[in-house]
Amino acid sequence: MALVENLQREGLDPIEEALAYQGLMDTYKQTQEMISARLGRSRSYIANMVRLLKLCDSVQKDLIEGDLTVGQARPLLALRSAAQQMEAAERIKEGELSARQAEALLSLYKIRHLKQRLLSRKVRQRYVLLWIV
């Protein structure tokens, strides 16, 4: 019950809020649906907040300190490594990008990563072909 009251107060940073939702799910076996009904939030809102806990510590710290917004940080979840998340977060902060601009930046990151993977594959294929011949 104290967790629910804590969630209803003002001034929680996004990570505190996410940890509280996760605490309700773990401690009281509450589902996202149950939490959303009890607090008047959508289930997708609860899910997206909890997903923020998958961000690396550095990006979570940026959220806590208010250096990044939830909208700016959420696209970073698409990046696999902490190093990639931290690099992209720095670019977002340095460029003072909006949430939409952060999403566009992450789309470019994905395209660049895909190109690198494809190029790497082509190099390996050529090496194998040269080795066979």
C-alpha atoms as a PDB file:
ATOM      1  CA  MET A   1       0.000   0.000   0.000  1.00  0.00           C
ATOM      2  CA  ALA A   2       2.867   2.381   0.775  1.00  0.00           C
ATOM      3  CA  LEU A   3       4.235   1.796  -2.736  1.00  0.00           C
ATOM      4  CA  VAL A   4       0.917   2.836  -4.283  1.00  0.00           C
ATOM      5  CA  GLU A   5       0.827   5.999  -2.168  1.00  0.00           C
ATOM      6  CA  ASN A   6       4.446   6.699  -3.091  1.00  0.00           C
ATOM      7  CA  LEU A   7       3.577   6.388  -6.784  1.00  0.00           C
ATOM      8  CA  GLN A   8       0.730   8.844  -6.429  1.00  0.00           C
ATOM      9  CA  ARG A   9       2.897  11.600  -4.967  1.00  0.00           C
ATOM     10  CA  GLU A  10       4.515  14.232  -7.140  1.00  0.00           C
ATOM     11  CA  GLY A  11       8.213  14.546  -7.807  1.00  0.00           C
ATOM     12  CA  LEU A  12       9.269  10.966  -8.499  1.00  0.00           C
ATOM     13  CA  ASP A  13      11.948  10.694 -11.125  1.00  0.00           C
ATOM     14  CA  PRO A  14      11.288   8.157 -13.920  1.00  0.00           C
ATOM     15  CA  ILE A  15      13.605   5.515 -12.449  1.00  0.00           C
ATOM     16  CA  GLU A  16      12.007   5.764  -8.981  1.00  0.00           C
ATOM     17  CA  GLU A  17       8.626   5.341 -10.646  1.00  0.00           C
ATOM     18  CA  ALA A  18       9.829   2.368 -12.697  1.00  0.00           C
ATOM     19  CA  LEU A  19      11.341   0.727  -9.607  1.00  0.00           C
ATOM     20  CA  ALA A  20       8.074   1.194  -7.732  1.00  0.00           C
ATOM     21  CA  TYR A  21       6.091  -0.480 -10.530  1.00  0.00           C
ATOM     22  CA  GLN A  22       8.624  -3.308 -10.640  1.00  0.00           C
ATOM     23  CA  GLY A  23       8.369  -3.601  -6.848  1.00  0.00           C
ATOM     24  CA  LEU A  24       4.599  -3.972  -7.048  1.00  0.00           C
ATOM     25  CA  MET A  25       4.957  -6.668  -9.667  1.00  0.00           C
ATOM     26  CA  ASP A  26       7.650  -8.572  -7.777  1.00  0.00           C
ATOM     27  CA  THR A  27       6.505  -8.179  -4.174  1.00  0.00           C
ATOM     28  CA  TYR A  28       2.740  -8.295  -4.548  1.00  0.00           C
ATOM     29  CA  LYS A  29       2.523 -10.318  -7.779  1.00  0.00           C
ATOM     30  CA  GLN A  30       0.634  -7.490  -9.445  1.00  0.00           C
ATOM     31  CA  THR A  31       0.337  -7.521 -13.220  1.00  0.00           C
ATOM     32  CA  GLN A  32       0.773  -4.415 -15.326  1.00  0.00           C
ATOM     33  CA  GLU A  33      -2.991  -4.506 -15.931  1.00  0.00           C
ATOM     34  CA  MET A  34      -3.728  -4.566 -12.201  1.00  0.00           C
ATOM     35  CA  ILE A  35      -1.342  -1.699 -11.521  1.00  0.00           C
ATOM     36  CA  SER A  36      -2.733   0.373 -14.363  1.00  0.00           C
ATOM     37  CA  ALA A  37      -6.312  -0.095 -13.158  1.00  0.00           C
ATOM     38  CA  ARG A  38      -5.383   0.790  -9.587  1.00  0.00           C
ATOM     39  CA  LEU A  39      -3.401   3.915 -10.501  1.00  0.00           C
ATOM     40  CA  GLY A  40      -5.396   5.112 -13.486  1.00  0.00           C
ATOM     41  CA  ARG A  41      -2.489   4.740 -15.912  1.00  0.00           C
ATOM     42  CA  SER A  42      -2.490   2.796 -19.161  1.00  0.00           C
ATOM     43  CA  ARG A  43      -0.878  -0.632 -19.213  1.00  0.00           C
ATOM     44  CA  SER A  44       1.476   0.502 -21.979  1.00  0.00           C
ATOM     45  CA  TYR A  45       2.604   3.430 -19.809  1.00  0.00           C
ATOM     46  CA  ILE A  46       3.455   1.029 -16.967  1.00  0.00           C
ATOM     47  CA  ALA A  47       5.264  -1.311 -19.389  1.00  0.00           C
ATOM     48  CA  ASN A  48       7.288   1.512 -20.944  1.00  0.00           C
ATOM     49  CA  MET A  49       8.307   2.857 -17.549  1.00  0.00           C
ATOM     50  CA  VAL A  50       9.480  -0.576 -16.367  1.00  0.00           C
ATOM     51  CA  ARG A  51      11.453  -1.029 -19.597  1.00  0.00           C
ATOM     52  CA  LEU A  52      13.561   1.994 -18.603  1.00  0.00           C
ATOM     53  CA  LEU A  53      15.199  -0.257 -16.010  1.00  0.00           C
ATOM     54  CA  LYS A  54      16.868  -2.096 -18.916  1.00  0.00           C
ATOM     55  CA  LEU A  55      18.895   1.008 -19.765  1.00  0.00           C
ATOM     56  CA  CYS A  56      22.528   1.089 -18.663  1.00  0.00           C
ATOM     57  CA  ASP A  57      23.337   2.731 -15.327  1.00  0.00           C
ATOM     58  CA  SER A  58      24.767   5.850 -16.943  1.00  0.00           C
ATOM     59  CA  VAL A  59      21.594   6.552 -18.912  1.00  0.00           C
ATOM     60  CA  GLN A  60      19.446   5.796 -15.858  1.00  0.00           C
ATOM     61  CA  LYS A  61      21.530   8.371 -13.967  1.00  0.00           C
ATOM     62  CA  ASP A  62      20.829  10.908 -16.735  1.00  0.00           C
ATOM     63  CA  LEU A  63      17.096  10.254 -16.280  1.00  0.00           C
ATOM     64  CA  ILE A  64      17.320  10.632 -12.506  1.00  0.00           C
ATOM     65  CA  GLU A  65      19.227  13.904 -12.800  1.00  0.00           C
ATOM     66  CA  GLY A  66      16.869  15.247 -15.459  1.00  0.00           C
ATOM     67  CA  ASP A  67      19.537  15.408 -18.162  1.00  0.00           C
ATOM     68  CA  LEU A  68      17.353  13.180 -20.391  1.00  0.00           C
ATOM     69  CA  THR A  69      13.592  12.907 -20.614  1.00  0.00           C
ATOM     70  CA  VAL A  70      11.733   9.618 -20.842  1.00  0.00           C
ATOM     71  CA  GLY A  71      10.939  10.422 -24.478  1.00  0.00           C
ATOM     72  CA  GLN A  72      14.616  10.921 -25.251  1.00  0.00           C
ATOM     73  CA  ALA A  73      15.730   7.817 -23.342  1.00  0.00           C
ATOM     74  CA  ARG A  74      13.147   5.280 -24.503  1.00  0.00           C
ATOM     75  CA  PRO A  75      14.605   4.925 -28.042  1.00  0.00           C
ATOM     76  CA  LEU A  76      17.963   4.021 -26.477  1.00  0.00           C
ATOM     77  CA  LEU A  77      16.436   0.681 -25.462  1.00  0.00           C
ATOM     78  CA  ALA A  78      16.864  -0.422 -29.080  1.00  0.00           C
ATOM     79  CA  LEU A  79      20.646  -0.300 -28.694  1.00  0.00           C
ATOM     80  CA  ARG A  80      22.211  -3.519 -27.466  1.00  0.00           C
ATOM     81  CA  SER A  81      25.296  -2.382 -25.628  1.00  0.00           C
ATOM     82  CA  ALA A  82      25.808   0.060 -22.788  1.00  0.00           C
ATOM     83  CA  ALA A  83      28.543   1.761 -24.818  1.00  0.00           C
ATOM     84  CA  GLN A  84      26.118   2.419 -27.677  1.00  0.00           C
ATOM     85  CA  GLN A  85      23.477   3.708 -25.253  1.00  0.00           C
ATOM     86  CA  MET A  86      25.969   6.051 -23.586  1.00  0.00           C
ATOM     87  CA  GLU A  87      27.275   7.360 -26.926  1.00  0.00           C
ATOM     88  CA  ALA A  88      23.790   8.046 -28.229  1.00  0.00           C
ATOM     89  CA  ALA A  89      22.721   9.634 -24.925  1.00  0.00           C
ATOM     90  CA  GLU A  90      25.713  12.002 -25.115  1.00  0.00           C
ATOM     91  CA  ARG A  91      24.757  13.003 -28.657  1.00  0.00           C
ATOM     92  CA  ILE A  92      21.174  13.617 -27.572  1.00  0.00           C
ATOM     93  CA  LYS A  93      22.311  15.797 -24.667  1.00  0.00           C
ATOM     94  CA  GLU A  94      24.977  17.677 -26.638  1.00  0.00           C
ATOM     95  CA  GLY A  95      22.601  18.390 -29.500  1.00  0.00           C
ATOM     96  CA  GLU A  96      19.721  19.151 -27.131  1.00  0.00           C
ATOM     97  CA  LEU A  97      17.600  16.877 -29.293  1.00  0.00           C
ATOM     98  CA  SER A  98      13.867  16.546 -28.832  1.00  0.00           C
ATOM     99  CA  ALA A  99      12.306  13.119 -28.322  1.00  0.00           C
ATOM    100  CA  ARG A 100      11.438  12.938 -32.046  1.00  0.00           C
ATOM    101  CA  GLN A 101      14.961  13.928 -33.037  1.00  0.00           C
ATOM    102  CA  ALA A 102      16.342  11.283 -30.646  1.00  0.00           C
ATOM    103  CA  GLU A 103      14.169   8.666 -32.378  1.00  0.00           C
ATOM    104  CA  ALA A 104      15.515   9.808 -35.762  1.00  0.00           C
ATOM    105  CA  LEU A 105      19.090   9.594 -34.455  1.00  0.00           C
ATOM    106  CA  LEU A 106      18.493   6.030 -33.301  1.00  0.00           C
ATOM    107  CA  SER A 107      17.101   5.125 -36.712  1.00  0.00           C
ATOM    108  CA  LEU A 108      20.390   6.322 -38.208  1.00  0.00           C
ATOM    109  CA  TYR A 109      22.332   4.267 -35.639  1.00  0.00           C
ATOM    110  CA  LYS A 110      20.376   1.160 -36.627  1.00  0.00           C
ATOM    111  CA  ILE A 111      21.005   1.759 -40.331  1.00  0.00           C
ATOM    112  CA  ARG A 112      24.727   2.318 -39.722  1.00  0.00           C
ATOM    113  CA  HIS A 113      24.955  -0.845 -37.621  1.00  0.00           C
ATOM    114  CA  LEU A 114      23.112  -2.878 -40.268  1.00  0.00           C
ATOM    115  CA  LYS A 115      25.459  -1.590 -42.986  1.00  0.00           C
ATOM    116  CA  GLN A 116      28.476  -2.550 -40.872  1.00  0.00           C
ATOM    117  CA  ARG A 117      27.088  -6.057 -40.338  1.00  0.00           C
ATOM    118  CA  LEU A 118      26.371  -6.504 -44.031  1.00  0.00           C
ATOM    119  CA  LEU A 119      29.821  -5.231 -44.980  1.00  0.00           C
ATOM    120  CA  SER A 120      31.420  -7.553 -42.449  1.00  0.00           C
ATOM    121  CA  ARG A 121      29.480 -10.484 -43.916  1.00  0.00           C
ATOM    122  CA  LYS A 122      30.582  -9.599 -47.445  1.00  0.00           C
ATOM    123  CA  VAL A 123      34.211  -9.442 -46.353  1.00  0.00           C
ATOM    124  CA  ARG A 124      33.923 -12.869 -44.706  1.00  0.00           C
ATOM    125  CA  GLN A 125      32.263 -14.298 -47.818  1.00  0.00           C
ATOM    126  CA  ARG A 126      35.044 -12.944 -50.024  1.00  0.00           C
ATOM    127  CA  TYR A 127      37.672 -14.359 -47.696  1.00  0.00           C
ATOM    128  CA  VAL A 128      36.031 -17.775 -47.800  1.00  0.00           C
ATOM    129  CA  LEU A 129      35.765 -17.652 -51.593  1.00  0.00           C
ATOM    130  CA  LEU A 130      39.422 -16.658 -51.909  1.00  0.00           C
ATOM    131  CA  TRP A 131      40.419 -19.413 -49.540  1.00  0.00           C
ATOM    132  CA  ILE A 132      38.439 -22.020 -51.522  1.00  0.00           C
ATOM    133  CA  VAL A 133      39.908 -20.925 -54.867  1.00  0.00           C
END
